[in-house]
């Protein structure tokens, strides 16, 4: 009797880099693995947002510096629209500031472009397991300090924290920012997790203590 167990679905990977030779090289590497499916290769963050619903990637290998829209902004927008997509930054920059900023914007991992081929595959496997991945050259980065608003929260999260602290509901915030209520709820959960706060009252108190509400007129 033959085994009818279906094969697992390959991981859908999108490559985003504005240098065609780099993108092609990465794509060739990834296509050598049977459990990966490269769904596209794009040259800037704007195209990622425009084609996200069509390509439906599980993992995005994202460069940082690109025309029209850079990797950090694209990462934040991707996660607003598709919270389950894992963004893996693939960059030539190895400074702690770049790495910490990428993680703060929601990237699941950071890999330098000069790593061995197999490490890119290891990084994809890790983020698909729900883990964070930092390549060997990135592990010495400065981690965000808990409670440091400027480092811990992205710009969008700071905006939402301010609105929640002002008494706006999830629906109010969604309407004001033109995003879905589910996206607001995801941001709210991430804000609470990052700051170690479990209640809305706690968020308001944090905002007051850290000057977030200063100058709002409320």
N, C-alpha and C. Protein backbone atom coordinates (compact mmCIF):
# COMPACT_ATOMS: atom_id res chain seq x y z
N UNK A 1 0.85 -1.19 0.00
CA UNK A 1 0.00 0.00 0.00
C UNK A 1 0.89 1.24 0.00
N UNK A 2 0.65 2.12 -0.95
CA UNK A 2 1.49 3.33 -1.06
C UNK A 2 1.09 4.36 -0.03
N UNK A 3 2.06 5.12 0.40
CA UNK A 3 1.83 6.19 1.37
C UNK A 3 1.24 7.40 0.65
N UNK A 4 0.02 7.80 1.06
CA UNK A 4 -0.66 8.91 0.41
C UNK A 4 -0.46 10.24 1.15
N UNK A 5 0.46 10.24 2.10
CA UNK A 5 0.70 11.48 2.86
C UNK A 5 1.17 12.59 1.91
N UNK A 6 0.44 13.71 1.87
CA UNK A 6 0.83 14.78 0.94
C UNK A 6 2.14 15.43 1.37
N UNK A 7 2.90 15.85 0.39
CA UNK A 7 4.14 16.55 0.69
C UNK A 7 3.83 17.93 1.26
N UNK A 8 4.66 18.42 2.19
CA UNK A 8 4.41 19.75 2.74
C UNK A 8 4.53 20.83 1.66
N UNK A 9 3.73 21.87 1.81
CA UNK A 9 3.77 22.97 0.85
C UNK A 9 5.11 23.70 0.95
N UNK A 10 5.75 23.99 -0.19
CA UNK A 10 7.02 24.71 -0.13
C UNK A 10 6.84 26.12 0.44
N UNK A 11 7.86 26.62 1.10
CA UNK A 11 7.84 27.97 1.66
C UNK A 11 7.93 28.97 0.51
N UNK A 12 6.99 29.90 0.48
CA UNK A 12 6.96 30.91 -0.58
C UNK A 12 7.88 32.08 -0.18
N UNK A 13 8.90 32.33 -0.98
CA UNK A 13 9.91 33.34 -0.66
C UNK A 13 9.91 34.43 -1.72
N UNK A 14 9.92 35.68 -1.26
CA UNK A 14 10.02 36.83 -2.16
C UNK A 14 11.35 37.52 -1.93
N UNK A 15 12.09 37.77 -3.00
CA UNK A 15 13.40 38.44 -2.93
C UNK A 15 13.22 39.90 -3.31
N UNK A 16 13.70 40.81 -2.47
CA UNK A 16 13.55 42.25 -2.73
C UNK A 16 14.91 42.93 -2.62
N UNK A 17 15.47 43.32 -3.76
CA UNK A 17 16.77 43.99 -3.80
C UNK A 17 16.86 44.78 -5.09
N UNK A 18 17.36 46.02 -5.01
CA UNK A 18 17.39 46.87 -6.20
C UNK A 18 18.61 46.61 -7.09
N UNK A 19 19.47 45.69 -6.71
CA UNK A 19 20.60 45.31 -7.55
C UNK A 19 20.27 43.99 -8.25
N UNK A 20 19.99 44.00 -9.55
CA UNK A 20 19.54 42.79 -10.25
C UNK A 20 20.48 41.60 -10.11
N UNK A 21 21.79 41.84 -10.15
CA UNK A 21 22.73 40.72 -10.06
C UNK A 21 22.67 40.07 -8.68
N UNK A 22 22.51 40.90 -7.64
CA UNK A 22 22.40 40.37 -6.28
C UNK A 22 21.12 39.56 -6.15
N UNK A 23 20.02 40.15 -6.63
CA UNK A 23 18.72 39.47 -6.54
C UNK A 23 18.74 38.14 -7.29
N UNK A 24 19.33 38.15 -8.48
CA UNK A 24 19.39 36.93 -9.28
C UNK A 24 20.24 35.86 -8.59
N UNK A 25 21.35 36.28 -7.98
CA UNK A 25 22.20 35.34 -7.28
C UNK A 25 21.48 34.68 -6.11
N UNK A 26 20.74 35.51 -5.34
CA UNK A 26 19.99 34.97 -4.20
C UNK A 26 18.90 34.02 -4.69
N UNK A 27 18.21 34.42 -5.75
CA UNK A 27 17.14 33.60 -6.30
C UNK A 27 17.67 32.24 -6.76
N UNK A 28 18.82 32.24 -7.41
CA UNK A 28 19.42 30.99 -7.89
C UNK A 28 19.75 30.06 -6.72
N UNK A 29 20.28 30.66 -5.65
CA UNK A 29 20.60 29.89 -4.46
C UNK A 29 19.34 29.23 -3.88
N UNK A 30 18.29 30.03 -3.74
CA UNK A 30 17.06 29.54 -3.11
C UNK A 30 16.37 28.48 -3.96
N UNK A 31 16.45 28.63 -5.27
CA UNK A 31 15.77 27.69 -6.16
C UNK A 31 16.42 26.31 -6.16
N UNK A 32 17.59 26.19 -5.53
CA UNK A 32 18.24 24.88 -5.45
C UNK A 32 17.65 24.02 -4.34
N UNK A 33 16.76 24.60 -3.52
CA UNK A 33 16.14 23.86 -2.42
C UNK A 33 14.71 23.46 -2.81
N UNK A 34 14.41 22.18 -2.67
CA UNK A 34 13.10 21.67 -3.06
C UNK A 34 11.96 22.20 -2.19
N UNK A 35 12.27 22.58 -0.94
CA UNK A 35 11.21 23.02 -0.03
C UNK A 35 11.00 24.54 -0.06
N UNK A 36 11.64 25.23 -1.01
CA UNK A 36 11.45 26.67 -1.17
C UNK A 36 10.89 26.95 -2.56
N UNK A 37 10.01 27.95 -2.65
CA UNK A 37 9.48 28.39 -3.93
C UNK A 37 9.65 29.91 -4.01
N UNK A 38 10.49 30.38 -4.92
CA UNK A 38 10.68 31.82 -5.10
C UNK A 38 9.50 32.35 -5.93
N UNK A 39 8.68 33.19 -5.31
CA UNK A 39 7.46 33.68 -5.97
C UNK A 39 7.69 34.98 -6.74
N UNK A 40 8.87 35.59 -6.56
CA UNK A 40 9.14 36.81 -7.30
C UNK A 40 10.42 37.47 -6.85
N UNK A 41 10.87 38.43 -7.66
CA UNK A 41 12.05 39.23 -7.34
C UNK A 41 11.72 40.67 -7.69
N UNK A 42 11.71 41.54 -6.68
CA UNK A 42 11.31 42.93 -6.85
C UNK A 42 12.45 43.87 -6.48
N UNK A 43 12.37 45.13 -6.99
CA UNK A 43 13.48 46.06 -6.81
C UNK A 43 13.26 47.18 -5.83
N UNK A 44 12.06 47.28 -5.23
CA UNK A 44 11.85 48.33 -4.22
C UNK A 44 10.65 47.98 -3.35
N UNK A 45 10.57 48.66 -2.21
CA UNK A 45 9.52 48.38 -1.24
C UNK A 45 8.13 48.68 -1.72
N UNK A 46 7.98 49.69 -2.57
CA UNK A 46 6.65 50.04 -3.08
C UNK A 46 6.04 48.88 -3.86
N UNK A 47 6.87 48.22 -4.69
CA UNK A 47 6.37 47.08 -5.46
C UNK A 47 5.95 45.93 -4.55
N UNK A 48 6.66 45.78 -3.43
CA UNK A 48 6.30 44.74 -2.47
C UNK A 48 4.87 44.96 -1.96
N UNK A 49 4.58 46.19 -1.56
CA UNK A 49 3.26 46.50 -1.03
C UNK A 49 2.19 46.30 -2.10
N UNK A 50 2.50 46.74 -3.32
CA UNK A 50 1.52 46.63 -4.41
C UNK A 50 1.22 45.18 -4.78
N UNK A 51 2.21 44.29 -4.64
CA UNK A 51 2.03 42.90 -5.09
C UNK A 51 1.90 41.89 -3.95
N UNK A 52 1.82 42.38 -2.73
CA UNK A 52 1.79 41.49 -1.57
C UNK A 52 0.62 40.51 -1.62
N UNK A 53 -0.57 41.00 -1.92
CA UNK A 53 -1.75 40.14 -1.94
C UNK A 53 -1.70 39.13 -3.08
N UNK A 54 -1.03 39.48 -4.16
CA UNK A 54 -0.93 38.58 -5.32
C UNK A 54 0.11 37.49 -5.09
N UNK A 55 1.28 37.88 -4.57
CA UNK A 55 2.39 36.93 -4.42
C UNK A 55 2.26 36.06 -3.17
N UNK A 56 1.64 36.61 -2.12
CA UNK A 56 1.41 35.87 -0.87
C UNK A 56 2.67 35.17 -0.35
N UNK A 57 3.76 35.90 -0.11
CA UNK A 57 4.98 35.25 0.39
C UNK A 57 4.87 34.86 1.86
N UNK A 58 5.51 33.76 2.22
CA UNK A 58 5.64 33.39 3.63
C UNK A 58 6.81 34.14 4.26
N UNK A 59 7.88 34.31 3.46
CA UNK A 59 9.09 34.99 3.91
C UNK A 59 9.52 35.99 2.84
N UNK A 60 9.89 37.18 3.29
CA UNK A 60 10.43 38.19 2.37
C UNK A 60 11.88 38.46 2.75
N UNK A 61 12.79 38.26 1.80
CA UNK A 61 14.19 38.66 1.99
C UNK A 61 14.29 40.10 1.52
N UNK A 62 14.47 41.02 2.44
CA UNK A 62 14.34 42.45 2.16
C UNK A 62 15.66 43.20 2.32
N UNK A 63 16.06 43.91 1.27
CA UNK A 63 17.21 44.80 1.36
C UNK A 63 16.77 46.05 2.12
N UNK A 64 17.72 46.83 2.63
CA UNK A 64 17.37 48.04 3.39
C UNK A 64 17.27 49.28 2.51
N UNK A 65 18.35 49.57 1.77
CA UNK A 65 18.40 50.82 0.99
C UNK A 65 17.95 50.57 -0.45
N UNK A 66 16.75 51.08 -0.77
CA UNK A 66 16.19 50.90 -2.10
C UNK A 66 15.47 52.18 -2.52
N UNK A 67 15.34 52.42 -3.82
CA UNK A 67 14.62 53.61 -4.28
C UNK A 67 13.12 53.49 -4.02
N UNK A 68 12.45 54.65 -4.02
CA UNK A 68 11.00 54.77 -3.85
C UNK A 68 10.54 54.45 -2.43
N UNK A 69 10.89 53.28 -1.94
CA UNK A 69 10.57 52.92 -0.55
C UNK A 69 11.60 51.95 -0.03
N UNK A 70 12.24 52.31 1.08
CA UNK A 70 13.28 51.48 1.67
C UNK A 70 12.72 50.29 2.42
N UNK A 71 13.63 49.44 2.86
CA UNK A 71 13.24 48.20 3.51
C UNK A 71 12.54 48.36 4.84
N UNK A 72 12.91 49.36 5.64
CA UNK A 72 12.29 49.54 6.95
C UNK A 72 10.83 49.93 6.82
N UNK A 73 10.55 50.92 5.99
CA UNK A 73 9.16 51.34 5.78
C UNK A 73 8.35 50.20 5.18
N UNK A 74 8.93 49.52 4.20
CA UNK A 74 8.23 48.40 3.57
C UNK A 74 7.93 47.30 4.58
N UNK A 75 8.87 47.03 5.47
CA UNK A 75 8.66 46.00 6.49
C UNK A 75 7.47 46.34 7.37
N UNK A 76 7.42 47.58 7.82
CA UNK A 76 6.32 48.00 8.69
C UNK A 76 4.97 47.88 7.97
N UNK A 77 4.93 48.29 6.70
CA UNK A 77 3.68 48.24 5.94
C UNK A 77 3.28 46.80 5.63
N UNK A 78 4.26 45.95 5.33
CA UNK A 78 3.98 44.54 5.09
C UNK A 78 3.31 43.92 6.30
N UNK A 79 3.86 44.19 7.49
CA UNK A 79 3.34 43.56 8.70
C UNK A 79 1.98 44.13 9.10
N UNK A 80 1.67 45.36 8.69
CA UNK A 80 0.33 45.89 8.92
C UNK A 80 -0.69 45.12 8.10
N UNK A 81 -0.32 44.81 6.87
CA UNK A 81 -1.25 44.15 5.94
C UNK A 81 -1.23 42.63 6.07
N UNK A 82 -0.10 42.08 6.46
CA UNK A 82 0.04 40.62 6.54
C UNK A 82 0.91 40.25 7.74
N UNK A 83 0.34 40.28 8.94
CA UNK A 83 1.12 40.07 10.17
C UNK A 83 1.85 38.73 10.24
N UNK A 84 1.35 37.73 9.50
CA UNK A 84 1.99 36.41 9.57
C UNK A 84 3.19 36.27 8.64
N UNK A 85 3.41 37.24 7.76
CA UNK A 85 4.56 37.18 6.86
C UNK A 85 5.84 37.49 7.64
N UNK A 86 6.86 36.68 7.44
CA UNK A 86 8.14 36.90 8.12
C UNK A 86 9.07 37.69 7.21
N UNK A 87 9.55 38.83 7.72
CA UNK A 87 10.50 39.65 6.97
C UNK A 87 11.90 39.38 7.50
N UNK A 88 12.78 39.03 6.58
CA UNK A 88 14.17 38.74 6.93
C UNK A 88 15.04 39.75 6.19
N UNK A 89 15.69 40.63 6.92
CA UNK A 89 16.53 41.65 6.30
C UNK A 89 17.83 41.01 5.81
N UNK A 90 18.14 41.27 4.54
CA UNK A 90 19.39 40.77 3.95
C UNK A 90 20.16 42.00 3.48
N UNK A 91 21.21 42.37 4.23
CA UNK A 91 21.85 43.66 4.01
C UNK A 91 23.37 43.57 4.09
N UNK A 92 24.03 44.58 3.54
CA UNK A 92 25.47 44.68 3.65
C UNK A 92 25.89 45.47 4.89
N UNK A 93 24.93 46.11 5.55
CA UNK A 93 25.24 46.95 6.72
C UNK A 93 25.29 46.10 7.99
N UNK A 94 26.41 46.18 8.71
CA UNK A 94 26.55 45.36 9.91
C UNK A 94 26.60 46.19 11.20
N UNK A 95 26.22 47.48 11.15
CA UNK A 95 26.29 48.30 12.35
C UNK A 95 25.13 47.97 13.28
N UNK A 96 25.34 48.07 14.60
CA UNK A 96 24.28 47.77 15.57
C UNK A 96 23.03 48.62 15.34
N UNK A 97 23.23 49.88 14.90
CA UNK A 97 22.08 50.76 14.69
C UNK A 97 21.16 50.22 13.60
N UNK A 98 21.74 49.77 12.50
CA UNK A 98 20.92 49.21 11.42
C UNK A 98 20.18 47.96 11.89
N UNK A 99 20.89 47.10 12.59
CA UNK A 99 20.30 45.83 13.01
C UNK A 99 19.18 46.06 14.02
N UNK A 100 19.45 46.89 15.03
CA UNK A 100 18.43 47.16 16.04
C UNK A 100 17.21 47.83 15.42
N UNK A 101 17.42 48.75 14.49
CA UNK A 101 16.32 49.44 13.85
C UNK A 101 15.45 48.47 13.04
N UNK A 102 16.10 47.55 12.35
CA UNK A 102 15.36 46.56 11.56
C UNK A 102 14.49 45.69 12.46
N UNK A 103 15.04 45.25 13.57
CA UNK A 103 14.26 44.43 14.51
C UNK A 103 13.13 45.23 15.12
N UNK A 104 13.37 46.50 15.42
CA UNK A 104 12.33 47.35 15.98
C UNK A 104 11.18 47.56 15.01
N UNK A 105 11.47 47.53 13.72
CA UNK A 105 10.43 47.72 12.71
C UNK A 105 9.67 46.42 12.41
N UNK A 106 10.04 45.36 13.11
CA UNK A 106 9.28 44.12 12.98
C UNK A 106 9.95 43.00 12.22
N UNK A 107 11.18 43.24 11.72
CA UNK A 107 11.88 42.17 11.00
C UNK A 107 12.12 40.99 11.93
N UNK A 108 11.98 39.79 11.40
CA UNK A 108 12.14 38.57 12.20
C UNK A 108 13.60 38.15 12.29
N UNK A 109 14.44 38.74 11.41
CA UNK A 109 15.84 38.36 11.44
C UNK A 109 16.69 39.30 10.59
N UNK A 110 17.99 39.13 10.68
CA UNK A 110 18.94 40.00 9.98
C UNK A 110 20.12 39.15 9.53
N UNK A 111 20.38 39.17 8.23
CA UNK A 111 21.46 38.37 7.65
C UNK A 111 22.31 39.26 6.76
N UNK A 112 23.61 39.16 6.91
CA UNK A 112 24.52 39.93 6.06
C UNK A 112 24.69 39.24 4.71
N UNK A 113 24.88 40.04 3.67
CA UNK A 113 24.92 39.49 2.32
C UNK A 113 26.13 38.61 2.04
N UNK A 114 27.15 38.72 2.88
CA UNK A 114 28.36 37.93 2.61
C UNK A 114 28.39 36.61 3.39
N UNK A 115 27.23 36.20 3.94
CA UNK A 115 27.22 34.94 4.69
C UNK A 115 27.27 33.76 3.72
N UNK A 116 27.68 32.59 4.19
CA UNK A 116 27.66 31.40 3.33
C UNK A 116 26.23 31.11 2.86
N UNK A 117 26.13 30.49 1.69
CA UNK A 117 24.83 30.20 1.08
C UNK A 117 23.88 29.50 2.05
N UNK A 118 24.38 28.48 2.74
CA UNK A 118 23.49 27.68 3.59
C UNK A 118 22.92 28.48 4.75
N UNK A 119 23.58 29.59 5.13
CA UNK A 119 23.07 30.36 6.25
C UNK A 119 21.78 31.10 5.89
N UNK A 120 21.63 31.49 4.63
CA UNK A 120 20.37 32.12 4.21
C UNK A 120 19.23 31.11 4.36
N UNK A 121 19.50 29.86 3.97
CA UNK A 121 18.48 28.81 4.15
C UNK A 121 18.20 28.57 5.63
N UNK A 122 19.23 28.56 6.46
CA UNK A 122 19.04 28.39 7.90
C UNK A 122 18.17 29.50 8.47
N UNK A 123 18.40 30.72 7.98
CA UNK A 123 17.63 31.87 8.46
C UNK A 123 16.15 31.73 8.09
N UNK A 124 15.88 31.30 6.86
CA UNK A 124 14.49 31.11 6.43
C UNK A 124 13.83 30.02 7.27
N UNK A 125 14.52 28.92 7.48
CA UNK A 125 13.97 27.83 8.30
C UNK A 125 13.65 28.32 9.71
N UNK A 126 14.55 29.14 10.27
CA UNK A 126 14.37 29.61 11.64
C UNK A 126 13.14 30.51 11.76
N UNK A 127 13.00 31.47 10.86
CA UNK A 127 11.85 32.39 10.97
C UNK A 127 10.55 31.67 10.68
N UNK A 128 10.58 30.62 9.85
CA UNK A 128 9.37 29.84 9.61
C UNK A 128 8.97 29.03 10.84
N UNK A 129 9.93 28.76 11.72
CA UNK A 129 9.62 28.10 13.00
C UNK A 129 9.16 29.10 14.05
N UNK A 130 9.12 30.36 13.68
CA UNK A 130 8.70 31.40 14.62
C UNK A 130 9.83 31.96 15.46
N UNK A 131 11.07 31.62 15.09
CA UNK A 131 12.23 32.09 15.84
C UNK A 131 12.79 33.37 15.21
N UNK A 132 13.55 34.10 16.00
CA UNK A 132 14.30 35.24 15.45
C UNK A 132 15.68 34.73 15.04
N UNK A 133 16.21 35.29 13.94
CA UNK A 133 17.51 34.82 13.47
C UNK A 133 18.45 36.01 13.24
N UNK A 134 19.59 35.95 13.88
CA UNK A 134 20.66 36.90 13.64
C UNK A 134 21.89 36.12 13.17
N UNK A 135 22.44 36.51 12.03
CA UNK A 135 23.63 35.82 11.55
C UNK A 135 24.80 36.10 12.48
N UNK A 136 25.86 35.34 12.33
CA UNK A 136 27.01 35.46 13.23
C UNK A 136 27.51 36.89 13.32
N UNK A 137 27.59 37.59 12.20
CA UNK A 137 28.10 38.96 12.21
C UNK A 137 27.16 39.97 12.81
N UNK A 138 25.89 39.57 13.03
CA UNK A 138 24.90 40.51 13.57
C UNK A 138 24.59 40.27 15.03
N UNK A 139 25.08 39.17 15.59
CA UNK A 139 24.70 38.80 16.96
C UNK A 139 25.24 39.76 18.01
N UNK A 140 26.24 40.54 17.66
CA UNK A 140 26.80 41.47 18.63
C UNK A 140 26.07 42.80 18.66
N UNK A 141 24.93 42.87 17.99
CA UNK A 141 24.19 44.14 17.93
C UNK A 141 23.65 44.53 19.29
N UNK A 142 23.42 45.80 19.44
CA UNK A 142 22.86 46.32 20.69
C UNK A 142 21.37 46.06 20.71
N UNK A 143 20.91 45.31 21.68
CA UNK A 143 19.49 45.01 21.79
C UNK A 143 18.73 46.22 22.34
N UNK A 144 17.49 46.43 21.91
CA UNK A 144 16.69 47.51 22.45
C UNK A 144 16.52 47.37 23.96
N UNK A 145 16.56 48.48 24.66
CA UNK A 145 16.40 48.46 26.12
C UNK A 145 14.91 48.52 26.46
N UNK A 146 14.43 47.61 27.31
CA UNK A 146 13.02 47.63 27.69
C UNK A 146 12.65 48.99 28.30
N UNK A 147 11.52 49.54 27.87
CA UNK A 147 11.08 50.81 28.41
C UNK A 147 11.60 52.01 27.66
N UNK A 148 12.52 51.82 26.72
CA UNK A 148 13.02 52.94 25.93
C UNK A 148 12.08 53.12 24.74
N UNK A 149 11.19 54.13 24.82
CA UNK A 149 10.15 54.32 23.83
C UNK A 149 10.74 54.52 22.44
N UNK A 150 11.80 55.32 22.34
CA UNK A 150 12.36 55.64 21.03
C UNK A 150 12.91 54.39 20.34
N UNK A 151 13.44 53.45 21.14
CA UNK A 151 14.04 52.26 20.56
C UNK A 151 13.02 51.13 20.43
N UNK A 152 12.18 50.93 21.43
CA UNK A 152 11.32 49.77 21.48
C UNK A 152 10.16 49.83 20.50
N UNK A 153 9.60 51.01 20.28
CA UNK A 153 8.40 51.12 19.45
C UNK A 153 8.71 51.74 18.10
N UNK A 154 8.07 51.21 17.07
CA UNK A 154 8.19 51.81 15.74
C UNK A 154 7.39 53.11 15.71
N UNK A 155 7.58 53.88 14.66
CA UNK A 155 6.85 55.15 14.53
C UNK A 155 5.35 54.94 14.54
N UNK A 156 4.88 53.91 13.84
CA UNK A 156 3.44 53.64 13.82
C UNK A 156 2.94 53.23 15.19
N UNK A 157 3.73 52.43 15.91
CA UNK A 157 3.34 52.02 17.26
C UNK A 157 3.28 53.20 18.21
N UNK A 158 4.21 54.15 18.07
CA UNK A 158 4.16 55.34 18.91
C UNK A 158 2.89 56.14 18.65
N UNK A 159 2.52 56.25 17.37
CA UNK A 159 1.30 56.97 17.01
C UNK A 159 0.08 56.31 17.63
N UNK A 160 0.02 54.98 17.53
CA UNK A 160 -1.13 54.26 18.07
C UNK A 160 -1.15 54.33 19.59
N UNK A 161 0.01 54.25 20.23
CA UNK A 161 0.07 54.41 21.68
C UNK A 161 -0.50 55.76 22.10
N UNK A 162 -0.13 56.81 21.39
CA UNK A 162 -0.63 58.14 21.68
C UNK A 162 -2.16 58.18 21.57
N UNK A 163 -2.68 57.61 20.48
CA UNK A 163 -4.13 57.65 20.26
C UNK A 163 -4.88 56.83 21.30
N UNK A 164 -4.34 55.67 21.66
CA UNK A 164 -4.98 54.87 22.70
C UNK A 164 -4.94 55.58 24.05
N UNK A 165 -3.83 56.23 24.32
CA UNK A 165 -3.69 56.96 25.59
C UNK A 165 -4.65 58.15 25.65
N UNK A 166 -5.05 58.66 24.49
CA UNK A 166 -6.01 59.76 24.44
C UNK A 166 -7.44 59.28 24.55
N UNK A 167 -7.61 57.96 24.68
CA UNK A 167 -8.95 57.41 24.87
C UNK A 167 -9.64 56.92 23.61
N UNK A 168 -8.92 56.90 22.47
CA UNK A 168 -9.52 56.42 21.24
C UNK A 168 -9.67 54.90 21.27
N UNK A 169 -10.75 54.39 20.68
CA UNK A 169 -10.97 52.95 20.59
C UNK A 169 -10.20 52.38 19.40
N UNK A 170 -10.15 51.05 19.34
CA UNK A 170 -9.50 50.41 18.19
C UNK A 170 -10.15 50.85 16.88
N UNK A 171 -11.49 50.94 16.88
CA UNK A 171 -12.19 51.37 15.67
C UNK A 171 -11.85 52.81 15.30
N UNK A 172 -11.73 53.68 16.33
CA UNK A 172 -11.36 55.08 16.08
C UNK A 172 -9.98 55.16 15.43
N UNK A 173 -9.03 54.40 15.99
CA UNK A 173 -7.66 54.42 15.47
C UNK A 173 -7.62 53.87 14.05
N UNK A 174 -8.34 52.78 13.81
CA UNK A 174 -8.37 52.17 12.48
C UNK A 174 -8.91 53.16 11.45
N UNK A 175 -9.97 53.86 11.81
CA UNK A 175 -10.56 54.83 10.89
C UNK A 175 -9.61 56.00 10.66
N UNK A 176 -8.95 56.46 11.71
CA UNK A 176 -8.06 57.62 11.59
C UNK A 176 -6.84 57.31 10.75
N UNK A 177 -6.30 56.09 10.87
CA UNK A 177 -5.08 55.70 10.16
C UNK A 177 -5.36 54.95 8.86
N UNK A 178 -6.65 54.71 8.59
CA UNK A 178 -7.05 53.99 7.38
C UNK A 178 -6.43 52.60 7.32
N UNK A 179 -6.50 51.88 8.45
CA UNK A 179 -6.05 50.49 8.52
C UNK A 179 -7.17 49.68 9.15
N UNK A 180 -7.04 48.36 9.14
CA UNK A 180 -8.10 47.52 9.67
C UNK A 180 -8.05 47.48 11.20
N UNK A 181 -9.20 47.16 11.80
CA UNK A 181 -9.26 47.01 13.26
C UNK A 181 -8.33 45.89 13.71
N UNK A 182 -8.25 44.82 12.90
CA UNK A 182 -7.36 43.71 13.25
C UNK A 182 -5.91 44.18 13.31
N UNK A 183 -5.52 45.06 12.38
CA UNK A 183 -4.15 45.58 12.39
C UNK A 183 -3.90 46.40 13.65
N UNK A 184 -4.87 47.21 14.05
CA UNK A 184 -4.74 48.00 15.28
C UNK A 184 -4.57 47.07 16.48
N UNK A 185 -5.38 46.01 16.52
CA UNK A 185 -5.30 45.06 17.62
C UNK A 185 -3.93 44.39 17.67
N UNK A 186 -3.37 44.09 16.49
CA UNK A 186 -2.03 43.49 16.44
C UNK A 186 -0.99 44.46 16.98
N UNK A 187 -1.07 45.72 16.54
CA UNK A 187 -0.14 46.74 17.05
C UNK A 187 -0.29 46.89 18.57
N UNK A 188 -1.52 46.92 19.02
CA UNK A 188 -1.78 47.10 20.45
C UNK A 188 -1.15 45.97 21.25
N UNK A 189 -1.31 44.73 20.76
CA UNK A 189 -0.73 43.57 21.43
C UNK A 189 0.80 43.68 21.44
N UNK A 190 1.39 44.10 20.31
CA UNK A 190 2.84 44.23 20.23
C UNK A 190 3.36 45.32 21.16
N UNK A 191 2.61 46.43 21.26
CA UNK A 191 3.01 47.52 22.16
C UNK A 191 3.03 47.03 23.59
N UNK A 192 1.97 46.33 23.99
CA UNK A 192 1.90 45.82 25.36
C UNK A 192 3.03 44.84 25.64
N UNK A 193 3.31 43.98 24.64
CA UNK A 193 4.39 42.99 24.82
C UNK A 193 5.74 43.67 24.97
N UNK A 194 6.02 44.63 24.09
CA UNK A 194 7.32 45.31 24.12
C UNK A 194 7.53 46.08 25.43
N UNK A 195 6.47 46.70 25.92
CA UNK A 195 6.59 47.54 27.11
C UNK A 195 6.33 46.77 28.39
N UNK A 196 5.88 45.52 28.26
CA UNK A 196 5.59 44.73 29.45
C UNK A 196 4.39 45.24 30.21
N UNK A 197 3.39 45.73 29.48
CA UNK A 197 2.19 46.31 30.08
C UNK A 197 0.98 45.49 29.64
N UNK A 198 0.07 45.19 30.59
CA UNK A 198 -1.03 44.29 30.27
C UNK A 198 -2.38 44.97 30.11
N UNK A 199 -2.49 46.25 30.48
CA UNK A 199 -3.80 46.91 30.44
C UNK A 199 -3.73 48.23 29.69
N UNK A 200 -4.90 48.70 29.23
CA UNK A 200 -4.99 50.00 28.57
C UNK A 200 -4.65 51.12 29.55
N UNK A 201 -5.10 50.97 30.79
CA UNK A 201 -4.78 51.98 31.80
C UNK A 201 -3.27 52.09 31.99
N UNK A 202 -2.60 50.92 31.91
CA UNK A 202 -1.15 50.92 32.03
C UNK A 202 -0.48 51.64 30.87
N UNK A 203 -1.05 51.49 29.66
CA UNK A 203 -0.51 52.19 28.49
C UNK A 203 -0.65 53.70 28.67
N UNK A 204 -1.81 54.12 29.18
CA UNK A 204 -2.05 55.55 29.40
C UNK A 204 -1.07 56.10 30.42
N UNK A 205 -0.88 55.35 31.51
CA UNK A 205 0.05 55.79 32.54
C UNK A 205 1.47 55.88 31.99
N UNK A 206 1.86 54.88 31.19
CA UNK A 206 3.19 54.89 30.57
C UNK A 206 3.35 56.12 29.68
N UNK A 207 2.33 56.40 28.87
CA UNK A 207 2.38 57.55 27.96
C UNK A 207 2.55 58.85 28.73
N UNK A 208 1.86 58.97 29.86
CA UNK A 208 1.95 60.19 30.67
C UNK A 208 3.34 60.30 31.31
N UNK A 209 3.85 59.18 31.83
CA UNK A 209 5.14 59.21 32.52
C UNK A 209 6.30 59.46 31.58
N UNK A 210 6.15 59.08 30.29
CA UNK A 210 7.24 59.24 29.33
C UNK A 210 7.03 60.40 28.38
N UNK A 211 6.08 61.28 28.71
CA UNK A 211 5.91 62.51 27.94
C UNK A 211 5.25 62.35 26.60
N UNK A 212 4.63 61.18 26.34
CA UNK A 212 4.01 60.98 25.02
C UNK A 212 2.84 61.92 24.81
N UNK A 213 2.13 62.25 25.91
CA UNK A 213 0.94 63.09 25.79
C UNK A 213 1.24 64.57 25.83
N UNK A 214 2.48 64.93 26.03
CA UNK A 214 2.84 66.35 26.10
C UNK A 214 2.57 67.04 24.78
N UNK A 215 1.93 68.17 24.85
CA UNK A 215 1.71 68.99 23.67
C UNK A 215 0.57 68.52 22.80
N UNK A 216 -0.24 67.57 23.29
CA UNK A 216 -1.35 67.10 22.48
C UNK A 216 -2.62 67.92 22.68
N UNK A 217 -2.62 68.68 23.74
CA UNK A 217 -3.79 69.50 24.01
C UNK A 217 -4.91 68.73 24.67
N UNK A 218 -4.63 67.55 25.17
CA UNK A 218 -5.64 66.76 25.84
C UNK A 218 -5.23 66.46 27.26
